[in-house]
């Protein structure tokens, strides 16, 4: 059991997306999503980065990797249709992350309108598109802890797990420490959502309340 850790500079509930009872990481972090070293049962966590500096060494989320599927499997699965963006719906629906699928004739990866869409630009001409499709897998977790704005500070013994770079770090944490961290999580928190996404505080309106799991 390994733990992959990175810093977050934005938290809109898009990457990762913790809604509808399943946490998914389908955009950003392409290097992690395509990694051959990532296995079912590994953990992914994130703490605050330079922009979210108030959340440095605070746990924004933790997810146990339960499934690793392709963009197309995610797109076509009836269970994940709720994760497709709907811009006339709630804020939760607007930030759906089920946005990539493959054109069966050309093999081109298509990006549907989403939080990474740059209006007036071809998606293929944007940095977001390139970063997203570097990893054509989606990470699925039903064993997750999403804290968002209520991110707790990591206990001193687990601060070594906070990434020192924005990209993914993994191998500096031994399995014994990872197991102790998971025990701490499970002993103190229930699986599910414990707070709104951090960047929702910037909205000029009150988003719909998130149903707690």
N, C-alpha and C. Protein backbone atom coordinates (compact mmCIF):
# COMPACT_ATOMS: atom_id res chain seq x y z
N UNK A 1 0.85 -1.20 0.00
CA UNK A 1 0.00 0.00 0.00
C UNK A 1 0.88 1.24 0.00
N UNK A 2 0.71 2.06 -1.02
CA UNK A 2 1.48 3.29 -1.16
C UNK A 2 0.55 4.50 -0.98
N UNK A 3 1.15 5.65 -0.76
CA UNK A 3 0.38 6.89 -0.69
C UNK A 3 1.00 7.91 -1.63
N UNK A 4 0.20 8.43 -2.53
CA UNK A 4 0.63 9.48 -3.44
C UNK A 4 0.09 10.81 -2.91
N UNK A 5 0.94 11.82 -2.89
CA UNK A 5 0.58 13.10 -2.28
C UNK A 5 0.91 14.25 -3.22
N UNK A 6 0.04 15.25 -3.26
CA UNK A 6 0.34 16.44 -4.05
C UNK A 6 -0.30 17.67 -3.43
N UNK A 7 0.12 18.84 -3.92
CA UNK A 7 -0.42 20.11 -3.45
C UNK A 7 -1.53 20.57 -4.38
N UNK A 8 -2.57 21.17 -3.80
CA UNK A 8 -3.67 21.73 -4.58
C UNK A 8 -3.63 23.25 -4.51
N UNK A 9 -3.79 23.90 -5.66
CA UNK A 9 -3.90 25.36 -5.70
C UNK A 9 -5.31 25.81 -6.03
N UNK A 10 -6.18 24.88 -6.39
CA UNK A 10 -7.58 25.19 -6.69
C UNK A 10 -8.44 24.04 -6.19
N UNK A 11 -9.58 24.38 -5.64
CA UNK A 11 -10.51 23.35 -5.16
C UNK A 11 -11.94 23.80 -5.42
N UNK A 12 -12.46 23.39 -6.58
CA UNK A 12 -13.83 23.72 -6.98
C UNK A 12 -14.75 22.50 -6.94
N UNK A 13 -14.25 21.37 -6.49
CA UNK A 13 -15.05 20.15 -6.54
C UNK A 13 -15.03 19.51 -7.92
N UNK A 14 -14.00 19.86 -8.71
CA UNK A 14 -13.87 19.33 -10.07
C UNK A 14 -12.76 18.28 -10.14
N UNK A 15 -11.62 18.58 -9.56
CA UNK A 15 -10.48 17.65 -9.56
C UNK A 15 -9.83 17.66 -8.18
N UNK A 16 -10.23 16.74 -7.30
CA UNK A 16 -11.16 15.64 -7.54
C UNK A 16 -12.62 16.09 -7.43
N UNK A 17 -13.50 15.23 -7.88
CA UNK A 17 -14.94 15.45 -7.78
C UNK A 17 -15.49 14.49 -6.73
N UNK A 18 -15.97 15.01 -5.58
CA UNK A 18 -16.37 14.12 -4.49
C UNK A 18 -17.87 13.83 -4.41
N UNK A 19 -18.61 14.21 -5.44
CA UNK A 19 -20.07 14.19 -5.34
C UNK A 19 -20.69 12.87 -5.79
N UNK A 20 -21.97 12.71 -5.47
CA UNK A 20 -22.78 11.56 -5.85
C UNK A 20 -22.28 10.26 -5.23
N UNK A 21 -21.65 10.36 -4.07
CA UNK A 21 -21.25 9.17 -3.33
C UNK A 21 -19.97 8.51 -3.78
N UNK A 22 -19.31 9.09 -4.79
CA UNK A 22 -18.08 8.52 -5.32
C UNK A 22 -17.10 9.66 -5.58
N UNK A 23 -15.87 9.50 -5.13
CA UNK A 23 -14.84 10.48 -5.48
C UNK A 23 -14.15 10.01 -6.75
N UNK A 24 -13.99 10.92 -7.70
CA UNK A 24 -13.34 10.61 -8.96
C UNK A 24 -12.25 11.62 -9.25
N UNK A 25 -11.16 11.14 -9.80
CA UNK A 25 -10.09 12.01 -10.29
C UNK A 25 -9.94 11.69 -11.77
N UNK A 26 -10.55 12.55 -12.61
CA UNK A 26 -10.63 12.29 -14.04
C UNK A 26 -9.90 13.35 -14.85
N UNK A 27 -9.51 14.45 -14.20
CA UNK A 27 -8.79 15.53 -14.86
C UNK A 27 -7.61 15.93 -13.98
N UNK A 28 -6.69 16.70 -14.55
CA UNK A 28 -5.45 17.07 -13.85
C UNK A 28 -4.67 15.81 -13.46
N UNK A 29 -3.49 15.99 -12.95
CA UNK A 29 -2.65 14.90 -12.44
C UNK A 29 -2.56 13.71 -13.40
N UNK A 30 -2.30 14.05 -14.68
CA UNK A 30 -2.20 13.00 -15.69
C UNK A 30 -1.08 12.01 -15.41
N UNK A 31 0.01 12.50 -14.84
CA UNK A 31 1.13 11.61 -14.53
C UNK A 31 0.72 10.54 -13.53
N UNK A 32 -0.06 10.92 -12.56
CA UNK A 32 -0.55 9.95 -11.57
C UNK A 32 -1.54 8.99 -12.21
N UNK A 33 -2.48 9.52 -12.97
CA UNK A 33 -3.55 8.68 -13.51
C UNK A 33 -3.04 7.65 -14.52
N UNK A 34 -1.90 7.93 -15.14
CA UNK A 34 -1.35 6.97 -16.11
C UNK A 34 -0.26 6.09 -15.51
N UNK A 35 0.09 6.32 -14.25
CA UNK A 35 1.22 5.63 -13.65
C UNK A 35 1.01 4.12 -13.60
N UNK A 36 2.02 3.38 -14.02
CA UNK A 36 1.98 1.92 -13.94
C UNK A 36 2.23 1.44 -12.52
N UNK A 37 2.74 2.32 -11.68
CA UNK A 37 3.02 1.95 -10.28
C UNK A 37 1.78 2.06 -9.40
N UNK A 38 0.80 2.85 -9.84
CA UNK A 38 -0.41 3.02 -9.05
C UNK A 38 -1.23 1.74 -9.07
N UNK A 39 -1.67 1.31 -7.90
CA UNK A 39 -2.40 0.04 -7.78
C UNK A 39 -3.69 0.23 -6.99
N UNK A 40 -4.63 -0.67 -7.23
CA UNK A 40 -5.84 -0.71 -6.41
C UNK A 40 -5.42 -0.87 -4.95
N UNK A 41 -6.01 -0.08 -4.07
CA UNK A 41 -5.66 -0.13 -2.66
C UNK A 41 -4.69 0.94 -2.22
N UNK A 42 -4.02 1.60 -3.18
CA UNK A 42 -3.17 2.74 -2.84
C UNK A 42 -4.02 3.94 -2.43
N UNK A 43 -3.39 4.90 -1.79
CA UNK A 43 -4.08 6.11 -1.36
C UNK A 43 -3.53 7.33 -2.09
N UNK A 44 -4.41 8.30 -2.31
CA UNK A 44 -4.02 9.60 -2.88
C UNK A 44 -4.52 10.67 -1.91
N UNK A 45 -3.63 11.61 -1.56
CA UNK A 45 -4.03 12.70 -0.67
C UNK A 45 -3.55 14.01 -1.26
N UNK A 46 -4.15 15.12 -0.79
CA UNK A 46 -3.69 16.44 -1.22
C UNK A 46 -3.80 17.41 -0.06
N UNK A 47 -2.83 18.33 -0.02
CA UNK A 47 -2.81 19.42 0.95
C UNK A 47 -2.73 20.74 0.18
N UNK A 48 -2.87 21.85 0.89
CA UNK A 48 -2.86 23.15 0.23
C UNK A 48 -1.50 23.52 -0.32
N UNK A 49 -1.52 24.22 -1.46
CA UNK A 49 -0.30 24.70 -2.09
C UNK A 49 -0.13 26.20 -1.95
N UNK A 50 0.64 26.78 -2.87
CA UNK A 50 0.98 28.20 -2.78
C UNK A 50 -0.25 29.09 -2.79
N UNK A 51 -1.21 28.81 -3.68
CA UNK A 51 -2.41 29.65 -3.77
C UNK A 51 -3.32 29.40 -2.57
N UNK A 52 -3.50 28.16 -2.21
CA UNK A 52 -4.31 27.81 -1.05
C UNK A 52 -3.41 27.73 0.19
N UNK A 53 -2.66 28.81 0.42
CA UNK A 53 -1.61 28.78 1.44
C UNK A 53 -2.16 28.62 2.85
N UNK A 54 -3.42 28.98 3.07
CA UNK A 54 -4.01 28.79 4.40
C UNK A 54 -4.18 27.31 4.72
N UNK A 55 -4.07 26.48 3.69
CA UNK A 55 -4.31 25.05 3.87
C UNK A 55 -3.03 24.22 3.71
N UNK A 56 -1.88 24.87 3.80
CA UNK A 56 -0.62 24.13 3.77
C UNK A 56 -0.59 23.17 4.96
N UNK A 57 -0.24 21.93 4.69
CA UNK A 57 -0.22 20.85 5.69
C UNK A 57 -1.61 20.57 6.28
N UNK A 58 -2.65 21.01 5.57
CA UNK A 58 -4.03 20.66 5.92
C UNK A 58 -4.54 19.66 4.89
N UNK A 59 -5.25 18.66 5.34
CA UNK A 59 -5.70 17.57 4.46
C UNK A 59 -6.99 17.96 3.75
N UNK A 60 -6.90 18.27 2.46
CA UNK A 60 -8.08 18.65 1.68
C UNK A 60 -8.89 17.41 1.31
N UNK A 61 -8.21 16.34 0.96
CA UNK A 61 -8.92 15.08 0.71
C UNK A 61 -7.97 13.90 0.83
N UNK A 62 -8.55 12.74 1.02
CA UNK A 62 -7.82 11.46 0.95
C UNK A 62 -8.75 10.45 0.30
N UNK A 63 -8.23 9.68 -0.63
CA UNK A 63 -9.04 8.68 -1.32
C UNK A 63 -8.26 7.38 -1.47
N UNK A 64 -8.94 6.28 -1.21
CA UNK A 64 -8.39 4.96 -1.49
C UNK A 64 -8.79 4.58 -2.90
N UNK A 65 -7.83 4.19 -3.71
CA UNK A 65 -8.12 3.85 -5.11
C UNK A 65 -8.82 2.50 -5.16
N UNK A 66 -10.10 2.52 -5.50
CA UNK A 66 -10.90 1.29 -5.60
C UNK A 66 -10.96 0.74 -7.02
N UNK A 67 -10.93 1.64 -8.01
CA UNK A 67 -10.98 1.23 -9.41
C UNK A 67 -10.12 2.18 -10.23
N UNK A 68 -9.58 1.66 -11.33
CA UNK A 68 -8.89 2.48 -12.33
C UNK A 68 -9.51 2.12 -13.67
N UNK A 69 -10.20 3.09 -14.29
CA UNK A 69 -10.90 2.82 -15.54
C UNK A 69 -10.48 3.86 -16.59
N UNK A 70 -10.83 3.60 -17.84
CA UNK A 70 -10.48 4.51 -18.92
C UNK A 70 -11.51 5.64 -19.04
N UNK A 71 -11.13 6.67 -19.79
CA UNK A 71 -12.08 7.74 -20.08
C UNK A 71 -13.37 7.18 -20.66
N UNK A 72 -13.26 6.29 -21.62
CA UNK A 72 -14.45 5.77 -22.30
C UNK A 72 -15.31 4.91 -21.37
N UNK A 73 -14.68 4.14 -20.52
CA UNK A 73 -15.45 3.35 -19.54
C UNK A 73 -16.21 4.27 -18.59
N UNK A 74 -15.57 5.34 -18.21
CA UNK A 74 -16.21 6.33 -17.33
C UNK A 74 -17.37 7.00 -18.06
N UNK A 75 -17.14 7.42 -19.28
CA UNK A 75 -18.13 8.14 -20.07
C UNK A 75 -19.37 7.28 -20.33
N UNK A 76 -19.18 6.01 -20.59
CA UNK A 76 -20.29 5.14 -21.00
C UNK A 76 -20.99 4.43 -19.84
N UNK A 77 -20.41 4.45 -18.66
CA UNK A 77 -20.98 3.73 -17.53
C UNK A 77 -22.25 4.41 -17.03
N UNK A 78 -23.39 3.70 -16.99
CA UNK A 78 -24.65 4.31 -16.52
C UNK A 78 -24.55 4.88 -15.11
N UNK A 79 -23.68 4.32 -14.29
CA UNK A 79 -23.56 4.78 -12.91
C UNK A 79 -22.89 6.14 -12.79
N UNK A 80 -22.22 6.57 -13.87
CA UNK A 80 -21.48 7.83 -13.79
C UNK A 80 -22.03 8.91 -14.71
N UNK A 81 -23.25 8.72 -15.21
CA UNK A 81 -23.85 9.77 -16.04
C UNK A 81 -24.10 11.03 -15.21
N UNK A 82 -24.32 10.86 -13.91
CA UNK A 82 -24.53 12.01 -13.02
C UNK A 82 -23.29 12.87 -12.89
N UNK A 83 -22.15 12.35 -13.29
CA UNK A 83 -20.89 13.09 -13.20
C UNK A 83 -20.62 13.94 -14.45
N UNK A 84 -21.51 13.88 -15.44
CA UNK A 84 -21.35 14.72 -16.62
C UNK A 84 -21.85 16.13 -16.30
N UNK A 85 -21.15 17.17 -16.75
CA UNK A 85 -21.55 18.53 -16.41
C UNK A 85 -22.92 18.89 -16.97
N UNK A 86 -23.67 19.66 -16.19
CA UNK A 86 -24.96 20.19 -16.62
C UNK A 86 -25.00 21.64 -16.16
N UNK A 87 -24.81 22.55 -17.12
CA UNK A 87 -24.58 23.95 -16.78
C UNK A 87 -25.84 24.71 -16.40
N UNK A 88 -26.99 24.12 -16.62
CA UNK A 88 -28.23 24.76 -16.17
C UNK A 88 -28.73 24.15 -14.86
N UNK A 89 -27.89 23.36 -14.24
CA UNK A 89 -28.27 22.70 -12.99
C UNK A 89 -27.62 23.36 -11.79
N UNK A 90 -27.39 22.58 -10.76
CA UNK A 90 -26.79 23.07 -9.52
C UNK A 90 -25.28 23.25 -9.72
N UNK A 91 -24.64 23.85 -8.73
CA UNK A 91 -23.19 24.02 -8.79
C UNK A 91 -22.50 22.66 -8.84
N UNK A 92 -23.04 21.72 -8.10
CA UNK A 92 -22.49 20.36 -8.13
C UNK A 92 -22.53 19.80 -9.55
N UNK A 93 -23.64 20.00 -10.24
CA UNK A 93 -23.76 19.50 -11.62
C UNK A 93 -22.84 20.25 -12.58
N UNK A 94 -22.65 21.54 -12.35
CA UNK A 94 -21.77 22.32 -13.22
C UNK A 94 -20.33 21.81 -13.20
N UNK A 95 -19.91 21.29 -12.06
CA UNK A 95 -18.53 20.86 -11.92
C UNK A 95 -18.35 19.36 -12.13
N UNK A 96 -19.23 18.74 -12.90
CA UNK A 96 -19.04 17.35 -13.26
C UNK A 96 -17.73 17.14 -14.00
N UNK A 97 -17.09 16.01 -13.76
CA UNK A 97 -15.76 15.76 -14.35
C UNK A 97 -15.76 14.65 -15.40
N UNK A 98 -16.94 14.13 -15.76
CA UNK A 98 -17.03 13.08 -16.78
C UNK A 98 -17.12 13.77 -18.14
N UNK A 99 -15.97 14.18 -18.67
CA UNK A 99 -15.97 15.12 -19.80
C UNK A 99 -15.15 14.65 -21.00
N UNK A 100 -14.41 13.55 -20.87
CA UNK A 100 -13.56 13.09 -21.97
C UNK A 100 -14.02 11.73 -22.50
N UNK A 101 -14.03 11.60 -23.81
CA UNK A 101 -14.31 10.32 -24.45
C UNK A 101 -13.66 10.32 -25.82
N UNK A 102 -13.57 9.14 -26.42
CA UNK A 102 -12.83 8.98 -27.66
C UNK A 102 -13.77 8.87 -28.85
N UNK A 103 -13.42 9.58 -29.93
CA UNK A 103 -14.13 9.42 -31.20
C UNK A 103 -13.76 8.05 -31.77
N UNK A 104 -14.73 7.13 -31.92
CA UNK A 104 -14.39 5.77 -32.35
C UNK A 104 -13.83 5.70 -33.76
N UNK A 105 -14.12 6.69 -34.60
CA UNK A 105 -13.62 6.69 -35.97
C UNK A 105 -12.18 7.20 -36.05
N UNK A 106 -11.89 8.26 -35.32
CA UNK A 106 -10.58 8.92 -35.45
C UNK A 106 -9.64 8.64 -34.29
N UNK A 107 -10.18 8.19 -33.16
CA UNK A 107 -9.35 8.00 -31.98
C UNK A 107 -9.05 9.28 -31.23
N UNK A 108 -9.60 10.39 -31.72
CA UNK A 108 -9.37 11.68 -31.06
C UNK A 108 -10.09 11.72 -29.71
N UNK A 109 -9.42 12.28 -28.72
CA UNK A 109 -10.04 12.45 -27.41
C UNK A 109 -10.83 13.75 -27.41
N UNK A 110 -12.12 13.64 -27.18
CA UNK A 110 -13.03 14.78 -27.22
C UNK A 110 -13.26 15.30 -25.81
N UNK A 111 -13.17 16.61 -25.68
CA UNK A 111 -13.51 17.26 -24.40
C UNK A 111 -14.87 17.92 -24.53
N UNK A 112 -15.82 17.50 -23.70
CA UNK A 112 -17.10 18.19 -23.64
C UNK A 112 -16.95 19.46 -22.79
N UNK A 113 -17.90 20.37 -22.95
CA UNK A 113 -17.84 21.62 -22.20
C UNK A 113 -17.78 21.33 -20.69
N UNK A 114 -16.84 21.97 -20.02
CA UNK A 114 -16.63 21.67 -18.60
C UNK A 114 -15.85 22.81 -17.96
N UNK A 115 -15.45 22.60 -16.72
CA UNK A 115 -14.71 23.62 -15.98
C UNK A 115 -13.34 23.89 -16.59
N UNK A 116 -12.82 23.01 -17.42
CA UNK A 116 -11.54 23.22 -18.08
C UNK A 116 -11.68 23.78 -19.49
N UNK A 117 -12.90 24.03 -19.92
CA UNK A 117 -13.11 24.59 -21.24
C UNK A 117 -12.77 26.08 -21.24
N UNK A 118 -12.02 26.51 -22.24
CA UNK A 118 -11.72 27.92 -22.42
C UNK A 118 -12.61 28.43 -23.55
N UNK A 119 -13.57 29.27 -23.22
CA UNK A 119 -14.53 29.74 -24.21
C UNK A 119 -13.83 30.41 -25.38
N UNK A 120 -14.25 30.05 -26.60
CA UNK A 120 -13.69 30.64 -27.80
C UNK A 120 -12.44 29.95 -28.31
N UNK A 121 -11.97 28.92 -27.60
CA UNK A 121 -10.78 28.20 -28.02
C UNK A 121 -11.10 26.74 -28.29
N UNK A 122 -10.39 26.19 -29.28
CA UNK A 122 -10.45 24.75 -29.49
C UNK A 122 -9.80 24.09 -28.28
N UNK A 123 -10.47 23.12 -27.65
CA UNK A 123 -9.88 22.49 -26.46
C UNK A 123 -8.45 22.00 -26.68
N UNK A 124 -8.16 21.50 -27.89
CA UNK A 124 -6.83 20.96 -28.16
C UNK A 124 -5.74 22.02 -28.13
N UNK A 125 -6.15 23.30 -28.18
CA UNK A 125 -5.18 24.39 -28.14
C UNK A 125 -4.96 24.92 -26.73
N UNK A 126 -5.51 24.27 -25.74
CA UNK A 126 -5.39 24.75 -24.36
C UNK A 126 -4.46 23.86 -23.55
N UNK A 127 -3.83 24.47 -22.55
CA UNK A 127 -2.94 23.71 -21.66
C UNK A 127 -3.72 22.66 -20.87
N UNK A 128 -4.95 23.03 -20.49
CA UNK A 128 -5.75 22.11 -19.67
C UNK A 128 -5.99 20.79 -20.39
N UNK A 129 -6.33 20.87 -21.67
CA UNK A 129 -6.59 19.66 -22.45
C UNK A 129 -5.36 18.76 -22.48
N UNK A 130 -4.22 19.35 -22.77
CA UNK A 130 -2.99 18.56 -22.85
C UNK A 130 -2.65 17.89 -21.54
N UNK A 131 -2.82 18.62 -20.44
CA UNK A 131 -2.52 18.04 -19.12
C UNK A 131 -3.48 16.91 -18.79
N UNK A 132 -4.76 17.13 -19.11
CA UNK A 132 -5.77 16.13 -18.76
C UNK A 132 -5.58 14.81 -19.50
N UNK A 133 -5.33 14.88 -20.80
CA UNK A 133 -5.30 13.64 -21.59
C UNK A 133 -3.96 12.92 -21.51
N UNK A 134 -2.99 13.50 -20.80
CA UNK A 134 -1.74 12.76 -20.58
C UNK A 134 -2.00 11.49 -19.79
N UNK A 135 -3.05 11.52 -18.99
CA UNK A 135 -3.43 10.32 -18.26
C UNK A 135 -4.84 9.93 -18.65
N UNK A 136 -5.00 8.88 -19.43
CA UNK A 136 -6.32 8.53 -19.96
C UNK A 136 -7.08 7.56 -19.05
N UNK A 137 -6.73 7.60 -17.79
CA UNK A 137 -7.45 6.80 -16.80
C UNK A 137 -8.18 7.70 -15.82
N UNK A 138 -9.18 7.13 -15.17
CA UNK A 138 -9.95 7.81 -14.13
C UNK A 138 -9.83 6.99 -12.85
N UNK A 139 -9.53 7.66 -11.75
CA UNK A 139 -9.43 6.98 -10.46
C UNK A 139 -10.78 7.07 -9.75
N UNK A 140 -11.24 5.94 -9.24
CA UNK A 140 -12.56 5.85 -8.60
C UNK A 140 -12.37 5.45 -7.14
N UNK A 141 -13.08 6.13 -6.24
CA UNK A 141 -13.00 5.77 -4.82
C UNK A 141 -14.36 5.89 -4.15
N UNK A 142 -14.72 4.86 -3.43
CA UNK A 142 -15.90 4.91 -2.56
C UNK A 142 -15.48 4.97 -1.10
N UNK A 143 -14.19 4.92 -0.89
CA UNK A 143 -13.61 5.06 0.45
C UNK A 143 -12.78 6.34 0.47
N UNK A 144 -13.48 7.45 0.66
CA UNK A 144 -12.81 8.74 0.55
C UNK A 144 -13.23 9.67 1.68
N UNK A 145 -12.38 10.66 1.90
CA UNK A 145 -12.62 11.67 2.93
C UNK A 145 -12.34 13.02 2.28
N UNK A 146 -13.40 13.77 2.06
CA UNK A 146 -13.25 15.08 1.41
C UNK A 146 -13.59 16.16 2.44
N UNK A 147 -12.61 17.02 2.71
CA UNK A 147 -12.77 18.04 3.75
C UNK A 147 -12.97 19.45 3.18
N UNK A 148 -12.35 19.74 2.04
CA UNK A 148 -12.52 21.06 1.44
C UNK A 148 -12.20 22.17 2.42
N UNK A 149 -13.16 23.08 2.60
CA UNK A 149 -12.96 24.26 3.43
C UNK A 149 -12.70 23.90 4.90
N UNK A 150 -13.08 22.71 5.30
CA UNK A 150 -12.87 22.26 6.69
C UNK A 150 -11.65 21.37 6.83
N UNK A 151 -10.70 21.51 5.92
CA UNK A 151 -9.52 20.65 5.93
C UNK A 151 -8.79 20.72 7.27
N UNK A 152 -8.61 19.59 7.95
CA UNK A 152 -7.90 19.60 9.23
C UNK A 152 -6.39 19.64 9.03
N UNK A 153 -5.70 20.24 9.98
CA UNK A 153 -4.24 20.21 9.95
C UNK A 153 -3.78 18.79 10.24
N UNK A 154 -2.80 18.34 9.47
CA UNK A 154 -2.26 17.01 9.69
C UNK A 154 -1.56 16.95 11.04
N UNK A 155 -1.76 15.89 11.80
CA UNK A 155 -0.97 15.71 13.02
C UNK A 155 0.52 15.71 12.69
N UNK A 156 1.34 16.11 13.63
CA UNK A 156 2.78 16.24 13.38
C UNK A 156 3.38 14.96 12.80
N UNK A 157 2.93 13.81 13.28
CA UNK A 157 3.54 12.56 12.81
C UNK A 157 3.22 12.25 11.35
N UNK A 158 2.23 12.96 10.78
CA UNK A 158 1.86 12.71 9.38
C UNK A 158 2.19 13.88 8.46
N UNK A 159 2.82 14.92 8.99
CA UNK A 159 3.17 16.05 8.12
C UNK A 159 4.22 15.67 7.09
N UNK A 160 4.93 14.59 7.34
CA UNK A 160 5.88 14.09 6.35
C UNK A 160 5.18 13.62 5.09
N UNK A 161 3.87 13.41 5.16
CA UNK A 161 3.11 12.93 4.00
C UNK A 161 2.65 14.06 3.10
N UNK A 162 2.76 15.31 3.57
CA UNK A 162 2.39 16.45 2.74
C UNK A 162 3.46 16.65 1.69
N UNK A 163 3.06 16.74 0.45
CA UNK A 163 4.01 16.91 -0.65
C UNK A 163 4.76 18.23 -0.51
N UNK A 164 6.04 18.21 -0.88
CA UNK A 164 6.84 19.43 -0.88
C UNK A 164 6.87 20.08 -2.26
N UNK A 165 6.25 19.43 -3.22
CA UNK A 165 6.16 19.97 -4.58
C UNK A 165 4.72 19.88 -5.04
N UNK A 166 4.38 20.60 -6.12
CA UNK A 166 3.00 20.55 -6.59
C UNK A 166 2.70 19.23 -7.29
N UNK A 167 3.74 18.63 -7.88
CA UNK A 167 3.52 17.36 -8.55
C UNK A 167 3.46 16.24 -7.51
N UNK A 168 3.27 15.04 -7.99
CA UNK A 168 3.05 13.89 -7.11
C UNK A 168 4.34 13.47 -6.42
N UNK A 169 4.23 13.17 -5.13
CA UNK A 169 5.30 12.52 -4.39
C UNK A 169 4.75 11.23 -3.80
N UNK A 170 5.61 10.23 -3.67
CA UNK A 170 5.11 8.95 -3.19
C UNK A 170 6.09 8.23 -2.29
N UNK A 171 7.26 7.93 -2.78
CA UNK A 171 8.07 6.88 -2.19
C UNK A 171 8.82 7.29 -0.93
N UNK A 172 8.68 8.53 -0.49
CA UNK A 172 9.38 8.95 0.72
C UNK A 172 8.63 8.53 1.98
N UNK A 173 7.44 7.97 1.86
CA UNK A 173 6.64 7.56 3.01
C UNK A 173 6.56 6.04 3.05
N UNK A 174 6.94 5.44 4.18
CA UNK A 174 6.93 3.99 4.28
C UNK A 174 5.52 3.48 4.55
N UNK A 175 5.31 2.19 4.28
CA UNK A 175 3.97 1.60 4.39
C UNK A 175 3.45 1.63 5.82
N UNK A 176 4.33 1.52 6.80
CA UNK A 176 3.90 1.57 8.19
C UNK A 176 3.27 2.91 8.51
N UNK A 177 3.87 3.99 8.01
CA UNK A 177 3.32 5.33 8.24
C UNK A 177 1.99 5.49 7.53
N UNK A 178 1.89 4.95 6.32
CA UNK A 178 0.63 5.03 5.57
C UNK A 178 -0.48 4.32 6.34
N UNK A 179 -0.19 3.15 6.87
CA UNK A 179 -1.20 2.40 7.63
C UNK A 179 -1.64 3.16 8.88
N UNK A 180 -0.68 3.79 9.57
CA UNK A 180 -1.02 4.59 10.75
C UNK A 180 -1.88 5.78 10.37
N UNK A 181 -1.57 6.38 9.22
CA UNK A 181 -2.36 7.51 8.73
C UNK A 181 -3.80 7.08 8.43
N UNK A 182 -3.95 5.96 7.77
CA UNK A 182 -5.29 5.45 7.45
C UNK A 182 -6.05 5.13 8.74
N UNK A 183 -5.38 4.56 9.70
CA UNK A 183 -6.03 4.28 10.99
C UNK A 183 -6.51 5.57 11.66
N UNK A 184 -5.69 6.60 11.60
CA UNK A 184 -6.07 7.91 12.16
C UNK A 184 -7.30 8.47 11.45
N UNK A 185 -7.31 8.38 10.12
CA UNK A 185 -8.46 8.85 9.34
C UNK A 185 -9.73 8.11 9.75
N UNK A 186 -9.65 6.80 9.72
CA UNK A 186 -10.84 5.99 9.97
C UNK A 186 -11.34 6.10 11.40
N UNK A 187 -10.43 6.39 12.33
CA UNK A 187 -10.82 6.51 13.73
C UNK A 187 -11.47 7.85 14.05
N UNK A 188 -11.18 8.86 13.24
CA UNK A 188 -11.64 10.21 13.56
C UNK A 188 -12.71 10.77 12.62
N UNK A 189 -12.88 10.16 11.45
CA UNK A 189 -13.80 10.72 10.47
C UNK A 189 -14.59 9.61 9.78
N UNK A 190 -15.79 9.96 9.36
CA UNK A 190 -16.60 9.06 8.56
C UNK A 190 -16.25 9.24 7.09
N UNK A 191 -16.42 8.18 6.33
CA UNK A 191 -16.25 8.27 4.88
C UNK A 191 -17.25 9.27 4.31
N UNK A 192 -16.79 10.12 3.38
CA UNK A 192 -17.70 11.04 2.71
C UNK A 192 -17.23 12.48 2.74
N UNK A 193 -18.19 13.39 2.63
CA UNK A 193 -17.93 14.82 2.49
C UNK A 193 -18.07 15.51 3.84
N UNK A 194 -17.07 16.33 4.16
CA UNK A 194 -17.06 17.04 5.44
C UNK A 194 -17.03 18.56 5.27
N UNK A 195 -17.10 19.05 4.05
CA UNK A 195 -17.09 20.49 3.84
C UNK A 195 -17.24 20.85 2.37
N UNK A 196 -17.61 22.10 2.11
CA UNK A 196 -17.71 22.59 0.73
C UNK A 196 -16.33 22.74 0.11
N UNK A 197 -16.23 22.71 -1.23
CA UNK A 197 -14.97 23.03 -1.89
C UNK A 197 -14.47 24.42 -1.47
N UNK A 198 -13.18 24.55 -1.31
CA UNK A 198 -12.59 25.78 -0.79
C UNK A 198 -12.94 26.98 -1.65
N UNK A 199 -12.83 26.85 -2.96
CA UNK A 199 -13.05 28.01 -3.83
C UNK A 199 -14.50 28.42 -3.96
N UNK A 200 -15.42 27.63 -3.44
CA UNK A 200 -16.82 28.04 -3.45
C UNK A 200 -17.05 29.26 -2.57
N UNK A 201 -16.12 29.56 -1.68
CA UNK A 201 -16.24 30.75 -0.84
C UNK A 201 -16.17 32.03 -1.66
N UNK A 202 -15.62 31.93 -2.88
CA UNK A 202 -15.47 33.11 -3.74
C UNK A 202 -16.74 33.44 -4.50
N UNK A 203 -17.70 32.52 -4.54
CA UNK A 203 -18.91 32.74 -5.33
C UNK A 203 -19.75 33.85 -4.72
N UNK A 204 -20.37 34.70 -5.57
CA UNK A 204 -21.21 35.80 -5.06
C UNK A 204 -22.57 35.34 -4.58
N UNK A 205 -22.82 34.04 -4.63
CA UNK A 205 -24.09 33.49 -4.18
C UNK A 205 -23.80 32.27 -3.32
N UNK A 206 -24.77 31.84 -2.57
CA UNK A 206 -24.61 30.66 -1.72
C UNK A 206 -24.93 29.42 -2.54
N UNK A 207 -23.93 28.55 -2.78
CA UNK A 207 -24.21 27.32 -3.53
C UNK A 207 -25.19 26.44 -2.78
N UNK A 208 -25.80 25.55 -3.52
CA UNK A 208 -26.67 24.58 -2.89
C UNK A 208 -25.88 23.82 -1.83
N UNK A 209 -26.47 23.54 -0.68
CA UNK A 209 -25.74 22.78 0.33
C UNK A 209 -25.42 21.38 -0.17
N UNK A 210 -24.25 20.92 0.14
CA UNK A 210 -23.83 19.59 -0.27
C UNK A 210 -24.41 18.56 0.68
N UNK A 211 -25.06 17.53 0.16
CA UNK A 211 -25.55 16.48 1.06
C UNK A 211 -24.39 15.73 1.67
N UNK A 212 -24.37 15.63 2.97
CA UNK A 212 -23.31 14.90 3.66
C UNK A 212 -23.59 13.40 3.58
N UNK A 213 -22.55 12.62 3.41
CA UNK A 213 -22.70 11.16 3.28
C UNK A 213 -22.54 10.49 4.63
